[in-house]
Amino acid sequence: MKRIFVITIATLVMAVTLNAKENNTALKNSVLNRFFGSVDSIKDYTVINDVKTYAGKKEQKRELKIYYKDKGHVRIDVISGDKRGGVAIYDPKTDKVKGHRGGFLKNIKLTLNKHSKLATDIRGIATDQATFQFFKRQIEKLKSSPMVIDTLGEGKVSIRVALPESLSVGKADGWKLYLGINGLPYRLEYFHGDSLVQESVFKNLKINTGLNNSVFKM
């Protein structure tokens, strides 16, 4: 009788474990598919990004306006904070960045490697790594990796995943992406170990407004 009881308990534990795994897989697939579909529906967008970046004792606070147009064109204007008035425009055809710094240097326009220190933040994150489309490509490469997905209420979820060295951004090894009810990011956090090294809040998102190509020229 005792043996039957033990077998029954073990069977129940296994069933609960398998059911939990199936539920987690279903949730993961649902969240990722909604995210991928939402990003794929975008032809162009603008968004304000309040971003704080940490590198050792250095701290960089900026408010950015990000412009994106299909096929990978990106423009970032520094609205306030460090390097205010600077502009960076990424051209996917050349894989380079054109831009200028703020203030009295705004008339000096340069074409740079996208990983140049003048074209990145203090952690080396590049202009084309700040878009929803880049986040999608990263998650697609990581979709078979273990993820922690939390439901946050009001249709919001978060995705926490480790970044292997081959996919590391800004020398971070962890990533937490927050998605709103529309399936698109409203917050992003990068981690190195247990330390938060960058946090971005996205607001004033405008999708498919028909951005003119002139926005991406200088």
Protein backbone atom coordinates (compact mmCIF):
# COMPACT_ATOMS: atom_id res chain seq x y z
CA MET A 1 0.00 0.00 0.00
CA LYS A 2 2.83 2.38 0.92
CA ARG A 3 4.57 1.63 -2.37
CA ILE A 4 1.40 2.40 -4.33
CA PHE A 5 1.02 5.69 -2.43
CA VAL A 6 4.63 6.69 -3.24
CA ILE A 7 4.16 5.82 -6.91
CA THR A 8 0.95 7.83 -7.02
CA ILE A 9 2.61 10.90 -5.47
CA ALA A 10 5.57 10.61 -7.87
CA THR A 11 3.19 10.35 -10.82
CA LEU A 12 1.28 13.45 -9.66
CA VAL A 13 4.52 15.43 -9.20
CA MET A 14 5.68 14.43 -12.69
CA ALA A 15 2.31 15.38 -14.19
CA VAL A 16 2.34 18.78 -12.47
CA THR A 17 5.94 19.39 -13.61
CA LEU A 18 5.16 18.45 -17.21
CA ASN A 19 2.02 20.58 -17.15
CA ALA A 20 4.00 23.57 -15.79
CA LYS A 21 6.60 23.15 -18.53
CA GLU A 22 3.89 22.99 -21.19
CA ASN A 23 2.22 26.11 -19.75
CA ASN A 24 5.55 27.98 -19.65
CA THR A 25 6.31 26.97 -23.23
CA ALA A 26 2.85 28.08 -24.35
CA LEU A 27 3.26 31.44 -22.56
CA LYS A 28 6.73 31.93 -24.05
CA ASN A 29 5.53 31.17 -27.57
CA SER A 30 2.51 33.43 -27.17
CA VAL A 31 4.58 36.36 -25.88
CA LEU A 32 7.29 36.01 -28.51
CA ASN A 33 4.86 35.58 -31.40
CA ARG A 34 2.96 38.70 -30.34
CA PHE A 35 6.22 40.66 -30.06
CA PHE A 36 7.48 39.47 -33.46
CA GLY A 37 4.15 40.22 -35.12
CA SER A 38 3.93 43.70 -33.60
CA VAL A 39 7.44 44.63 -34.76
CA ASP A 40 6.82 43.20 -38.23
CA SER A 41 3.76 45.47 -38.59
CA ILE A 42 5.98 48.58 -38.29
CA LYS A 43 7.14 50.38 -41.42
CA ASP A 44 8.37 53.42 -39.54
CA TYR A 45 8.18 54.88 -36.07
CA THR A 46 9.41 57.58 -33.74
CA VAL A 47 9.84 57.24 -29.99
CA ILE A 48 11.38 59.11 -27.08
CA ASN A 49 13.93 57.12 -25.12
CA ASP A 50 14.88 58.21 -21.60
CA VAL A 51 18.09 56.28 -21.07
CA LYS A 52 20.60 55.96 -18.26
CA THR A 53 23.87 54.14 -18.90
CA TYR A 54 26.51 53.09 -16.39
CA ALA A 55 30.12 52.10 -17.09
CA GLY A 56 32.19 51.75 -13.93
CA LYS A 57 32.05 55.14 -12.20
CA LYS A 58 30.75 56.84 -15.33
CA GLU A 59 27.07 57.64 -15.70
CA GLN A 60 25.39 58.95 -18.83
CA LYS A 61 21.84 60.34 -18.80
CA ARG A 62 20.18 61.32 -22.03
CA GLU A 63 16.81 61.84 -23.66
CA LEU A 64 16.85 60.61 -27.23
CA LYS A 65 14.43 60.85 -30.10
CA ILE A 66 14.71 57.74 -32.24
CA TYR A 67 13.47 57.59 -35.83
CA TYR A 68 13.24 54.29 -37.70
CA LYS A 69 12.26 53.50 -41.27
CA ASP A 70 11.99 50.10 -42.93
CA LYS A 71 15.13 48.47 -44.31
CA GLY A 72 17.04 49.64 -41.27
CA HIS A 73 17.43 53.41 -41.49
CA VAL A 74 17.91 54.93 -38.03
CA ARG A 75 18.28 58.47 -36.77
CA ILE A 76 18.93 59.46 -33.15
CA ASP A 77 18.74 63.05 -31.90
CA VAL A 78 20.06 63.82 -28.41
CA ILE A 79 17.31 66.07 -27.02
CA SER A 80 18.77 66.58 -23.56
CA GLY A 81 21.54 65.38 -21.29
CA ASP A 82 25.04 64.32 -22.26
CA LYS A 83 26.00 65.42 -25.81
CA ARG A 84 22.75 67.38 -26.20
CA GLY A 85 22.21 68.53 -29.77
CA GLY A 86 24.12 65.64 -31.28
CA VAL A 87 22.68 63.69 -34.21
CA ALA A 88 23.57 60.22 -35.52
CA ILE A 89 22.14 58.73 -38.72
CA TYR A 90 22.75 55.06 -39.54
CA ASP A 91 22.71 53.97 -43.19
CA PRO A 92 22.20 50.20 -43.60
CA LYS A 93 23.65 50.28 -47.11
CA THR A 94 27.04 51.52 -45.94
CA ASP A 95 26.80 50.19 -42.36
CA LYS A 96 28.17 53.55 -41.24
CA VAL A 97 26.95 56.51 -39.19
CA LYS A 98 26.85 60.14 -40.28
CA GLY A 99 26.44 62.78 -37.64
CA HIS A 100 27.55 65.78 -35.68
CA ARG A 101 27.95 66.76 -32.05
CA GLY A 102 25.96 69.48 -30.36
CA GLY A 103 26.79 73.11 -29.66
CA PHE A 104 29.48 74.91 -31.63
CA LEU A 105 30.59 71.59 -33.17
CA LYS A 106 27.28 70.96 -34.96
CA ASN A 107 28.66 72.21 -38.27
CA ILE A 108 31.40 69.56 -38.26
CA LYS A 109 29.79 66.53 -39.90
CA LEU A 110 31.53 63.16 -39.87
CA THR A 111 31.03 59.72 -41.39
CA LEU A 112 32.14 57.06 -38.94
CA ASN A 113 32.34 53.35 -38.32
CA LYS A 114 29.18 52.61 -36.33
CA HIS A 115 31.31 51.28 -33.45
CA SER A 116 33.43 54.43 -33.22
CA LYS A 117 33.47 55.99 -29.73
CA LEU A 118 32.08 59.17 -31.26
CA ALA A 119 29.07 57.23 -32.58
CA THR A 120 28.20 55.11 -29.52
CA ASP A 121 27.25 55.56 -25.87
CA ILE A 122 29.71 55.05 -23.02
CA ARG A 123 29.23 51.26 -23.15
CA GLY A 124 29.78 51.09 -26.90
CA ILE A 125 26.14 50.50 -27.88
CA ALA A 126 25.70 51.47 -31.52
CA THR A 127 22.99 53.52 -33.23
CA ASP A 128 21.43 50.53 -34.99
CA GLN A 129 21.26 48.60 -31.69
CA ALA A 130 18.66 50.98 -30.24
CA THR A 131 15.65 49.92 -32.33
CA PHE A 132 12.74 47.55 -31.77
CA GLN A 133 13.83 45.71 -34.90
CA PHE A 134 17.25 45.02 -33.40
CA PHE A 135 15.61 43.75 -30.19
CA LYS A 136 13.49 41.40 -32.29
CA ARG A 137 16.52 40.00 -34.11
CA GLN A 138 18.25 39.38 -30.79
CA ILE A 139 15.24 37.59 -29.30
CA GLU A 140 14.85 35.48 -32.47
CA LYS A 141 18.42 34.25 -31.99
CA LEU A 142 17.70 33.54 -28.31
CA LYS A 143 14.20 32.04 -28.59
CA SER A 144 15.42 28.50 -27.88
CA SER A 145 17.32 29.72 -24.79
CA PRO A 146 15.86 29.60 -21.26
CA MET A 147 13.79 32.69 -20.50
CA VAL A 148 11.96 33.98 -17.45
CA ILE A 149 8.66 35.48 -18.53
CA ASP A 150 6.56 37.34 -15.96
CA THR A 151 3.04 38.65 -16.44
CA LEU A 152 2.77 42.14 -14.98
CA GLY A 153 -0.94 42.87 -15.35
CA GLU A 154 -2.81 45.05 -17.84
CA GLY A 155 -1.46 42.91 -20.69
CA LYS A 156 2.17 43.73 -19.86
CA VAL A 157 4.94 41.13 -19.64
CA SER A 158 8.70 41.04 -19.08
CA ILE A 159 11.27 38.73 -20.66
CA ARG A 160 14.56 38.02 -18.86
CA VAL A 161 17.27 36.16 -20.77
CA ALA A 162 21.03 35.69 -20.58
CA LEU A 163 23.15 37.12 -23.39
CA PRO A 164 25.94 34.85 -24.65
CA GLU A 165 29.17 36.60 -25.53
CA SER A 166 28.39 36.32 -29.25
CA LEU A 167 25.20 38.38 -28.74
CA SER A 168 26.43 40.69 -26.01
CA VAL A 169 25.54 44.37 -26.34
CA GLY A 170 27.56 46.95 -24.45
CA LYS A 171 29.42 44.10 -22.70
CA ALA A 172 26.21 43.12 -20.93
CA ASP A 173 25.42 39.48 -20.17
CA GLY A 174 21.76 39.82 -19.25
CA TRP A 175 18.70 41.44 -20.74
CA LYS A 176 15.20 42.24 -19.51
CA LEU A 177 12.67 43.47 -22.04
CA TYR A 178 9.27 44.82 -20.98
CA LEU A 179 6.41 44.62 -23.49
CA GLY A 180 3.15 46.55 -23.33
CA ILE A 181 -0.34 45.47 -24.32
CA ASN A 182 0.55 46.39 -27.91
CA GLY A 183 3.35 43.81 -27.87
CA LEU A 184 6.06 46.47 -28.19
CA PRO A 185 8.82 47.48 -25.76
CA TYR A 186 8.20 50.19 -23.19
CA ARG A 187 11.28 49.47 -21.08
CA LEU A 188 14.62 47.72 -21.52
CA GLU A 189 17.30 46.83 -18.99
CA TYR A 190 20.82 45.50 -19.58
CA PHE A 191 22.75 43.73 -16.81
CA HIS A 192 26.32 42.72 -16.19
CA GLY A 193 26.13 40.08 -13.51
CA ASP A 194 23.75 41.51 -10.93
CA SER A 195 24.52 45.12 -11.86
CA LEU A 196 22.14 47.21 -13.95
CA VAL A 197 24.28 48.83 -16.67
CA GLN A 198 21.59 50.45 -18.81
CA GLU A 199 17.90 51.25 -18.42
CA SER A 200 15.72 52.70 -21.16
CA VAL A 201 12.11 53.91 -20.96
CA PHE A 202 10.27 54.36 -24.25
CA LYS A 203 7.42 56.86 -24.53
CA ASN A 204 5.44 58.91 -27.06
CA LEU A 205 5.58 56.08 -29.60
CA LYS A 206 4.17 56.94 -33.03
CA ILE A 207 3.89 54.16 -35.60
CA ASN A 208 3.57 54.21 -39.40
CA THR A 209 3.29 57.95 -39.83
CA GLY A 210 5.00 57.91 -43.22
CA LEU A 211 8.43 59.29 -42.33
CA ASN A 212 10.03 61.17 -45.19
CA ASN A 213 13.39 59.89 -46.42
CA SER A 214 14.81 63.37 -45.86
CA VAL A 215 14.78 62.65 -42.11
CA PHE A 216 17.67 60.27 -42.70
CA LYS A 217 19.79 62.69 -44.68
CA MET A 218 22.24 65.29 -43.44
